[in-house]
């Protein structure tokens, strides 16, 4: 699957993360070292979340909801 962001909203999420991150920390602190197992677990959790999000986005809207929405117009 890799690190490609092929789900709806991924671009906006990435842009939001970049906007919140400081351009240059300048604090001189080193990033925390991570264990290999933690990185693999994080990647696995990320892949699972992307899968669930993709499945949710692809679900059909129930007819009852569409009926309610049409009544609002």
N, C-alpha and C. Protein backbone atom coordinates (compact mmCIF):
# COMPACT_ATOMS: atom_id res chain seq x y z
N UNK A 1 0.82 -1.19 0.00
CA UNK A 1 0.00 0.00 0.00
C UNK A 1 0.86 1.25 0.00
N UNK A 2 1.99 1.22 0.70
CA UNK A 2 2.92 2.34 0.67
C UNK A 2 2.41 3.54 1.43
N UNK A 3 2.96 4.69 1.08
CA UNK A 3 2.59 5.91 1.77
C UNK A 3 1.75 6.82 0.88
N UNK A 4 1.14 6.26 -0.16
CA UNK A 4 0.34 7.09 -1.04
C UNK A 4 -0.99 7.40 -0.37
N UNK A 5 -1.45 8.61 -0.60
CA UNK A 5 -2.68 9.06 0.03
C UNK A 5 -3.78 9.07 -1.01
N UNK A 6 -4.40 7.91 -1.20
CA UNK A 6 -5.40 7.79 -2.25
C UNK A 6 -6.81 7.70 -1.70
N UNK A 7 -7.09 8.38 -0.60
CA UNK A 7 -8.44 8.38 -0.08
C UNK A 7 -8.94 9.81 0.00
N UNK A 8 -10.26 9.95 -0.03
CA UNK A 8 -10.86 11.28 -0.06
C UNK A 8 -10.46 12.09 1.17
N UNK A 9 -10.06 13.32 0.97
CA UNK A 9 -9.69 14.20 2.06
C UNK A 9 -8.24 14.11 2.47
N UNK A 10 -7.48 13.18 1.91
CA UNK A 10 -6.09 12.99 2.32
C UNK A 10 -5.26 14.25 2.06
N UNK A 11 -5.47 14.89 0.94
CA UNK A 11 -4.71 16.08 0.61
C UNK A 11 -4.95 17.20 1.60
N UNK A 12 -6.21 17.36 1.99
CA UNK A 12 -6.54 18.40 2.96
C UNK A 12 -5.92 18.08 4.31
N UNK A 13 -5.92 16.81 4.70
CA UNK A 13 -5.33 16.43 5.97
C UNK A 13 -3.83 16.70 5.96
N UNK A 14 -3.18 16.35 4.88
CA UNK A 14 -1.74 16.57 4.78
C UNK A 14 -1.42 18.06 4.82
N UNK A 15 -2.20 18.88 4.13
CA UNK A 15 -1.97 20.31 4.13
C UNK A 15 -2.17 20.88 5.53
N UNK A 16 -3.19 20.40 6.23
CA UNK A 16 -3.46 20.89 7.57
C UNK A 16 -2.30 20.55 8.50
N UNK A 17 -1.77 19.32 8.39
CA UNK A 17 -0.64 18.92 9.22
C UNK A 17 0.57 19.79 8.94
N UNK A 18 0.81 20.12 7.67
CA UNK A 18 1.97 20.94 7.32
C UNK A 18 1.80 22.35 7.84
N UNK A 19 0.57 22.87 7.83
CA UNK A 19 0.34 24.23 8.32
C UNK A 19 0.57 24.31 9.82
N UNK A 20 0.27 23.26 10.55
CA UNK A 20 0.41 23.30 12.00
C UNK A 20 1.84 23.03 12.45
N UNK A 21 2.61 22.36 11.63
CA UNK A 21 3.99 22.04 12.00
C UNK A 21 4.87 23.27 11.81
N UNK A 22 5.75 23.55 12.77
CA UNK A 22 6.66 24.69 12.59
C UNK A 22 7.64 24.42 11.46
N UNK A 23 7.95 25.45 10.70
CA UNK A 23 8.84 25.31 9.55
C UNK A 23 10.24 24.91 10.00
N UNK A 24 10.74 25.52 11.07
CA UNK A 24 12.07 25.21 11.57
C UNK A 24 12.01 25.26 13.09
N UNK A 25 12.20 24.13 13.72
CA UNK A 25 12.06 24.04 15.17
C UNK A 25 13.04 24.96 15.88
N UNK A 26 14.31 24.86 15.52
CA UNK A 26 15.31 25.74 16.08
C UNK A 26 15.56 25.53 17.57
N UNK A 27 14.82 24.63 18.20
CA UNK A 27 14.99 24.39 19.62
C UNK A 27 16.20 23.55 19.93
N UNK A 28 16.78 22.93 18.94
CA UNK A 28 17.97 22.13 19.15
C UNK A 28 17.68 20.77 19.76
N UNK A 29 16.44 20.47 19.98
CA UNK A 29 16.13 19.16 20.56
C UNK A 29 16.12 18.09 19.48
N UNK A 30 16.56 16.90 19.88
CA UNK A 30 16.57 15.78 18.94
C UNK A 30 15.21 15.11 18.96
N UNK A 31 14.75 14.61 17.81
CA UNK A 31 13.49 13.88 17.83
C UNK A 31 13.63 12.61 18.65
N UNK A 32 12.55 12.22 19.29
CA UNK A 32 12.58 11.02 20.11
C UNK A 32 12.83 9.80 19.25
N UNK A 33 13.71 8.92 19.73
CA UNK A 33 13.97 7.69 18.99
C UNK A 33 12.81 6.74 19.20
N UNK A 34 12.46 6.04 18.13
CA UNK A 34 11.34 5.11 18.19
C UNK A 34 11.86 3.71 17.93
N UNK A 35 11.24 2.79 18.57
CA UNK A 35 11.59 1.40 18.35
C UNK A 35 11.00 0.93 17.04
N UNK A 36 11.65 -0.02 16.39
CA UNK A 36 11.15 -0.56 15.13
C UNK A 36 9.75 -1.12 15.26
N UNK A 37 9.47 -1.78 16.35
CA UNK A 37 8.15 -2.37 16.57
C UNK A 37 7.06 -1.33 16.63
N UNK A 38 7.37 -0.18 17.24
CA UNK A 38 6.39 0.90 17.33
C UNK A 38 6.08 1.46 15.95
N UNK A 39 7.10 1.65 15.13
CA UNK A 39 6.89 2.19 13.79
C UNK A 39 6.07 1.22 12.95
N UNK A 40 6.36 -0.07 13.07
CA UNK A 40 5.60 -1.07 12.31
C UNK A 40 4.15 -1.11 12.78
N UNK A 41 3.95 -1.00 14.09
CA UNK A 41 2.59 -0.99 14.63
C UNK A 41 1.84 0.25 14.16
N UNK A 42 2.50 1.41 14.19
CA UNK A 42 1.87 2.64 13.73
C UNK A 42 1.49 2.54 12.26
N UNK A 43 2.36 1.96 11.45
CA UNK A 43 2.06 1.80 10.02
C UNK A 43 0.87 0.87 9.84
N UNK A 44 0.81 -0.18 10.64
CA UNK A 44 -0.30 -1.13 10.55
C UNK A 44 -1.62 -0.47 10.97
N UNK A 45 -1.58 0.30 12.03
CA UNK A 45 -2.79 1.00 12.49
C UNK A 45 -3.21 2.02 11.44
N UNK A 46 -2.26 2.73 10.87
CA UNK A 46 -2.58 3.71 9.82
C UNK A 46 -3.22 3.05 8.62
N UNK A 47 -2.69 1.91 8.20
CA UNK A 47 -3.27 1.19 7.06
C UNK A 47 -4.69 0.73 7.38
N UNK A 48 -4.91 0.26 8.60
CA UNK A 48 -6.25 -0.19 8.99
C UNK A 48 -7.23 0.98 9.02
N UNK A 49 -6.80 2.11 9.53
CA UNK A 49 -7.67 3.29 9.56
C UNK A 49 -8.01 3.78 8.16
N UNK A 50 -7.02 3.77 7.26
CA UNK A 50 -7.29 4.18 5.87
C UNK A 50 -8.29 3.24 5.22
N UNK A 51 -8.16 1.95 5.51
CA UNK A 51 -9.07 0.96 4.94
C UNK A 51 -10.50 1.18 5.43
N UNK A 52 -10.66 1.38 6.73
CA UNK A 52 -11.99 1.60 7.29
C UNK A 52 -12.59 2.90 6.75
N UNK A 53 -11.78 3.95 6.67
CA UNK A 53 -12.26 5.23 6.13
C UNK A 53 -12.72 5.06 4.69
N UNK A 54 -11.92 4.37 3.89
CA UNK A 54 -12.25 4.15 2.49
C UNK A 54 -13.56 3.37 2.35
N UNK A 55 -13.72 2.33 3.16
CA UNK A 55 -14.95 1.55 3.11
C UNK A 55 -16.16 2.39 3.51
N UNK A 56 -15.99 3.24 4.51
CA UNK A 56 -17.09 4.09 4.98
C UNK A 56 -17.49 5.10 3.91
N UNK A 57 -16.52 5.69 3.25
CA UNK A 57 -16.80 6.67 2.21
C UNK A 57 -17.53 6.02 1.04
N UNK A 58 -17.20 4.77 0.75
CA UNK A 58 -17.80 4.07 -0.38
C UNK A 58 -19.18 3.49 -0.09
N UNK A 59 -19.62 3.51 1.17
CA UNK A 59 -20.94 2.97 1.51
C UNK A 59 -22.04 3.81 0.89
N UNK A 60 -23.12 3.14 0.52
CA UNK A 60 -24.28 3.84 -0.03
C UNK A 60 -25.04 4.52 1.10
N UNK A 61 -25.67 5.64 0.78
CA UNK A 61 -26.49 6.35 1.76
C UNK A 61 -27.84 5.63 1.82
N UNK A 62 -28.29 5.26 3.02
CA UNK A 62 -29.57 4.56 3.14
C UNK A 62 -30.73 5.39 2.59
N UNK A 63 -31.70 4.71 2.02
CA UNK A 63 -32.86 5.39 1.43
C UNK A 63 -33.59 6.26 2.44
N UNK A 64 -33.66 5.83 3.69
CA UNK A 64 -34.34 6.61 4.72
C UNK A 64 -33.68 7.99 4.89
N UNK A 65 -32.36 8.02 4.85
CA UNK A 65 -31.65 9.29 4.96
C UNK A 65 -31.90 10.17 3.74
N UNK A 66 -31.90 9.56 2.57
CA UNK A 66 -32.16 10.33 1.36
C UNK A 66 -33.56 10.92 1.38
N UNK A 67 -34.53 10.14 1.88
CA UNK A 67 -35.90 10.65 2.00
C UNK A 67 -35.96 11.85 2.95
N UNK A 68 -35.29 11.73 4.10
CA UNK A 68 -35.26 12.84 5.05
C UNK A 68 -34.61 14.08 4.45
N UNK A 69 -33.52 13.89 3.74
CA UNK A 69 -32.83 15.01 3.12
C UNK A 69 -33.71 15.69 2.06
N UNK A 70 -34.43 14.89 1.31
CA UNK A 70 -35.30 15.47 0.27
C UNK A 70 -36.44 16.29 0.89
N UNK A 71 -36.85 15.94 2.09
CA UNK A 71 -37.91 16.69 2.78
C UNK A 71 -37.41 18.04 3.27
N UNK A 72 -36.10 18.18 3.44
CA UNK A 72 -35.53 19.44 3.90
C UNK A 72 -35.49 20.50 2.81
N UNK A 73 -35.48 20.08 1.57
CA UNK A 73 -35.39 21.02 0.44
C UNK A 73 -36.62 21.81 0.22
